[in-house]
Amino acid sequence: MTVVSWLWGDKYSHIDVAKLFAGVDRNLRQHRRFVLFTDQDIKGLPKDIELVPIKDRGYEMMDRSCFCRLRIFDRDTQRRLGLTDRIACIDLDAIVVDQIDDLFNNNEDFLILTGANSSNPNPFNCSVMMLKAGKHHEVWDDFTLEVAKSVPYYEFPDDQGWIWHKLPKAKGWRCGVDSGIYAFQKPGWPSVTLSDRLPFNAKIVCFVGSKKPHQYVDRLRWLRENWRLGK
């Protein structure tokens, strides 16, 4: 399995990259590769994190729309990187807090987090996805910025809207107790009044929308314990 994330712009740093992959490393028993798609020349990351330049069709794909993440569906990119099995995609602001092997040990062609959005009617959220290499290449092959702007979207065209358009019946992990993947203070989170407590069966906690881990690290002990470097 290959675990993939993305870094572009100035919202996150190489430390965030290292913390995410350290969390995965602590909680994933099976053999894996780490790949980071980035537009930056990063120094100081662990040697087992492979850096891949983001290759996209214009600056518009680098903003909040996150369209550059669709590149993972590209067969040429998969072949060039030698991706032949499962590709697990996890955002940099996701906190891995417990063993995650069971989330990714399945034969589905594609899985995506569902039910995490509170206002956006889109059932999908791209914080956590898994794709079997060679499947659903039409998500990339059919993509253009112009067409993506023509399909229904919430505040702005984005990658999750495009995936919903192309794979409306895709299976996924239901956010919350059913999967152990939670969105902080979003649907499925036990209670806003108990937001300082980690849900009992949490495996991954995603910070969806404007909320980001650094805003809560001083307050939440579970966040400090899991959003860190090292074993």
Protein backbone atom coordinates (compact mmCIF):
# COMPACT_ATOMS: atom_id res chain seq x y z
CA MET A 1 0.00 0.00 0.00
CA THR A 2 1.13 3.55 -0.74
CA VAL A 3 0.13 6.34 1.64
CA VAL A 4 -0.15 9.67 -0.17
CA SER A 5 -0.57 13.27 0.94
CA TRP A 6 -0.15 16.72 -0.65
CA LEU A 7 1.61 19.94 0.26
CA TRP A 8 1.28 23.16 -1.68
CA GLY A 9 1.06 26.84 -0.81
CA ASP A 10 1.94 28.15 2.65
CA LYS A 11 -0.87 26.81 4.87
CA TYR A 12 1.20 23.81 6.02
CA SER A 13 4.88 23.05 6.47
CA HIS A 14 7.29 20.14 6.27
CA ILE A 15 6.71 19.60 10.01
CA ASP A 16 3.03 18.90 9.32
CA VAL A 17 4.12 16.39 6.69
CA ALA A 18 6.46 14.65 9.10
CA LYS A 19 3.80 14.54 11.84
CA LEU A 20 1.20 12.95 9.56
CA PHE A 21 3.50 10.23 8.28
CA ALA A 22 4.85 9.60 11.79
CA GLY A 23 1.28 9.04 12.95
CA VAL A 24 0.65 6.63 10.11
CA ASP A 25 3.94 4.86 10.81
CA ARG A 26 2.98 4.30 14.44
CA ASN A 27 -0.44 2.92 13.54
CA LEU A 28 -0.01 0.94 10.32
CA ARG A 29 1.50 -2.52 10.62
CA GLN A 30 1.54 -3.57 6.97
CA HIS A 31 4.28 -2.76 4.47
CA ARG A 32 3.80 0.69 2.94
CA ARG A 33 5.37 3.50 0.95
CA PHE A 34 5.06 7.19 1.80
CA VAL A 35 4.62 9.64 -1.09
CA LEU A 36 4.18 13.40 -0.86
CA PHE A 37 3.03 15.40 -3.87
CA THR A 38 4.35 18.94 -3.48
CA ASP A 39 5.23 22.14 -5.33
CA GLN A 40 8.07 22.85 -2.90
CA ASP A 41 11.72 21.92 -2.53
CA ILE A 42 11.52 20.45 0.96
CA LYS A 43 14.49 19.62 3.15
CA GLY A 44 14.65 17.75 6.41
CA LEU A 45 11.96 15.12 5.91
CA PRO A 46 12.54 11.47 6.86
CA LYS A 47 14.30 9.63 4.04
CA ASP A 48 11.45 7.17 3.50
CA ILE A 49 9.09 9.95 2.33
CA GLU A 50 9.27 10.12 -1.47
CA LEU A 51 8.75 13.60 -2.94
CA VAL A 52 6.86 13.91 -6.24
CA PRO A 53 6.49 17.29 -8.00
CA ILE A 54 2.91 18.40 -8.55
CA LYS A 55 2.26 18.50 -12.29
CA ASP A 56 -0.96 20.25 -13.12
CA ARG A 57 -2.73 22.23 -15.79
CA GLY A 58 -2.48 25.68 -14.36
CA TYR A 59 -2.35 27.65 -11.14
CA GLU A 60 -6.12 27.37 -10.66
CA MET A 61 -5.62 23.76 -9.61
CA MET A 62 -3.47 24.82 -6.67
CA ASP A 63 -6.01 26.86 -4.68
CA ARG A 64 -8.76 25.80 -2.24
CA SER A 65 -10.34 23.67 -4.93
CA CYS A 66 -7.65 21.00 -4.35
CA PHE A 67 -7.98 19.74 -7.93
CA CYS A 68 -4.35 18.65 -7.89
CA ARG A 69 -5.40 15.70 -5.71
CA LEU A 70 -7.23 14.23 -8.71
CA ARG A 71 -3.85 13.41 -10.23
CA ILE A 72 -3.84 10.23 -8.15
CA PHE A 73 -6.44 8.81 -10.58
CA ASP A 74 -4.06 9.35 -13.52
CA ARG A 75 -2.82 6.04 -14.95
CA ASP A 76 0.39 7.59 -16.28
CA THR A 77 1.26 8.93 -12.84
CA GLN A 78 0.54 5.55 -11.28
CA ARG A 79 2.77 3.78 -13.80
CA ARG A 80 5.57 6.32 -13.43
CA LEU A 81 5.59 5.90 -9.65
CA GLY A 82 5.12 2.14 -9.73
CA LEU A 83 1.76 2.25 -7.93
CA THR A 84 0.18 -1.15 -8.50
CA ASP A 85 -1.91 -1.82 -5.41
CA ARG A 86 -3.89 0.29 -2.92
CA ILE A 87 -3.33 4.05 -2.70
CA ALA A 88 -4.43 5.54 0.62
CA CYS A 89 -4.83 9.33 0.48
CA ILE A 90 -4.80 11.22 3.80
CA ASP A 91 -4.83 15.00 4.25
CA LEU A 92 -2.10 16.75 6.22
CA ASP A 93 -4.58 17.97 8.85
CA ALA A 94 -5.73 14.44 9.69
CA ILE A 95 -4.54 13.03 13.03
CA VAL A 96 -3.95 9.27 13.16
CA VAL A 97 -4.68 8.14 16.71
CA ASP A 98 -4.98 4.34 16.56
CA GLN A 99 -4.38 1.30 14.35
CA ILE A 100 -5.72 1.84 10.82
CA ASP A 101 -4.92 -1.40 8.98
CA ASP A 102 -8.54 -2.55 9.05
CA LEU A 103 -9.65 0.65 7.29
CA PHE A 104 -7.58 -0.16 4.23
CA ASN A 105 -7.57 -3.97 4.18
CA ASN A 106 -10.28 -4.52 1.60
CA ASN A 107 -10.72 -5.08 -2.12
CA GLU A 108 -12.92 -2.09 -2.98
CA ASP A 109 -11.90 -0.15 -6.08
CA PHE A 110 -12.47 3.16 -4.32
CA LEU A 111 -13.47 4.38 -0.86
CA ILE A 112 -14.01 7.93 0.38
CA LEU A 113 -15.03 9.52 3.68
CA THR A 114 -18.78 10.20 3.75
CA GLY A 115 -21.05 12.22 6.00
CA ALA A 116 -18.41 14.63 7.31
CA ASN A 117 -19.79 17.83 5.77
CA SER A 118 -22.16 19.90 7.90
CA SER A 119 -23.36 22.47 5.33
CA ASN A 120 -22.14 21.19 1.99
CA PRO A 121 -24.74 18.75 0.59
CA ASN A 122 -21.97 16.74 -1.05
CA PRO A 123 -21.83 13.38 0.79
CA PHE A 124 -18.11 13.00 0.07
CA ASN A 125 -15.08 14.48 1.80
CA CYS A 126 -11.58 13.96 0.40
CA SER A 127 -9.78 14.02 3.76
CA VAL A 128 -9.44 10.23 3.53
CA MET A 129 -9.69 8.18 0.34
CA MET A 130 -8.43 4.87 -0.97
CA LEU A 131 -8.06 3.94 -4.64
CA LYS A 132 -6.99 0.70 -6.23
CA ALA A 133 -4.41 1.48 -8.91
CA GLY A 134 -5.80 1.29 -12.44
CA LYS A 135 -9.41 1.86 -11.40
CA HIS A 136 -11.64 4.85 -12.14
CA HIS A 137 -9.11 6.59 -14.37
CA GLU A 138 -12.05 8.48 -15.90
CA VAL A 139 -11.98 10.78 -12.86
CA TRP A 140 -8.75 12.24 -14.23
CA ASP A 141 -9.17 11.54 -17.94
CA ASP A 142 -12.46 13.46 -18.16
CA PHE A 143 -11.39 16.35 -15.96
CA THR A 144 -10.94 19.91 -17.15
CA LEU A 145 -11.36 23.11 -15.18
CA GLU A 146 -14.11 24.24 -17.52
CA VAL A 147 -16.17 21.07 -17.11
CA ALA A 148 -15.59 21.00 -13.33
CA LYS A 149 -17.06 24.50 -13.09
CA SER A 150 -20.21 23.33 -14.88
CA VAL A 151 -21.18 20.58 -12.42
CA PRO A 152 -23.05 21.33 -9.17
CA TYR A 153 -20.90 22.68 -6.33
CA TYR A 154 -21.37 24.33 -2.94
CA GLU A 155 -19.24 27.46 -2.46
CA PHE A 156 -16.73 26.83 -5.24
CA PRO A 157 -15.82 24.01 -7.64
CA ASP A 158 -13.61 21.46 -5.93
CA ASP A 159 -12.23 17.95 -6.16
CA GLN A 160 -14.88 16.35 -3.96
CA GLY A 161 -17.60 17.86 -6.15
CA TRP A 162 -15.95 16.41 -9.23
CA ILE A 163 -15.62 12.98 -7.62
CA TRP A 164 -19.30 13.11 -6.62
CA HIS A 165 -20.13 13.95 -10.24
CA LYS A 166 -18.06 11.10 -11.66
CA LEU A 167 -18.60 8.45 -8.96
CA PRO A 168 -21.98 9.28 -7.38
CA LYS A 169 -22.45 5.74 -6.06
CA ALA A 170 -18.97 5.33 -4.62
CA LYS A 171 -18.70 3.41 -1.37
CA GLY A 172 -17.07 4.92 1.66
CA TRP A 173 -16.35 5.04 5.35
CA ARG A 174 -19.25 6.62 7.24
CA CYS A 175 -17.88 9.40 9.41
CA GLY A 176 -18.23 8.66 13.11
CA VAL A 177 -18.67 5.58 15.22
CA ASP A 178 -19.34 3.29 12.24
CA SER A 179 -15.80 3.68 10.90
CA GLY A 180 -13.69 5.29 13.59
CA ILE A 181 -12.87 8.14 11.21
CA TYR A 182 -14.16 11.35 12.77
CA ALA A 183 -14.36 14.96 11.63
CA PHE A 184 -13.59 17.25 14.56
CA GLN A 185 -16.80 18.97 15.77
CA LYS A 186 -18.61 17.92 12.60
CA PRO A 187 -21.41 15.38 12.03
CA GLY A 188 -20.58 12.16 13.83
CA TRP A 189 -18.52 13.89 16.55
CA PRO A 190 -20.03 12.88 19.92
CA SER A 191 -20.78 16.37 21.27
CA VAL A 192 -19.39 19.86 20.96
CA THR A 193 -19.43 20.06 24.76
CA LEU A 194 -17.18 16.99 24.86
CA SER A 195 -14.85 18.17 22.10
CA ASP A 196 -11.86 17.84 24.41
CA ARG A 197 -12.39 14.08 24.58
CA LEU A 198 -11.29 11.65 21.91
CA PRO A 199 -14.17 9.39 20.74
CA PHE A 200 -13.77 5.90 22.19
CA ASN A 201 -13.13 4.11 18.88
CA ALA A 202 -11.33 6.89 16.99
CA LYS A 203 -8.71 5.85 14.46
CA ILE A 204 -8.35 9.06 12.44
CA VAL A 205 -9.59 12.55 13.33
CA CYS A 206 -9.90 14.93 10.36
CA PHE A 207 -10.00 18.69 10.73
CA VAL A 208 -12.53 19.60 8.06
CA GLY A 209 -13.10 23.17 6.89
CA SER A 210 -11.65 26.14 8.78
CA LYS A 211 -10.69 24.23 11.94
CA LYS A 212 -7.02 23.20 11.97
CA PRO A 213 -4.95 21.19 14.49
CA HIS A 214 -2.61 24.02 15.51
CA GLN A 215 -5.61 25.99 16.81
CA TYR A 216 -6.34 23.31 19.43
CA VAL A 217 -2.98 21.76 20.25
CA ASP A 218 -2.59 23.70 23.54
CA ARG A 219 -6.07 22.69 24.72
CA LEU A 220 -6.43 19.07 23.66
CA ARG A 221 -4.19 16.50 25.28
CA TRP A 222 -5.11 13.76 22.81
CA LEU A 223 -4.06 16.05 19.97
CA ARG A 224 -0.66 16.75 21.53
CA GLU A 225 -0.11 13.04 22.17
CA ASN A 226 -0.85 12.00 18.58
CA TRP A 227 0.13 15.01 16.44
CA ARG A 228 3.86 14.62 16.96
CA LEU A 229 7.08 13.26 15.55
CA GLY A 230 8.73 9.97 16.43
CA LYS A 231 7.54 6.52 17.42
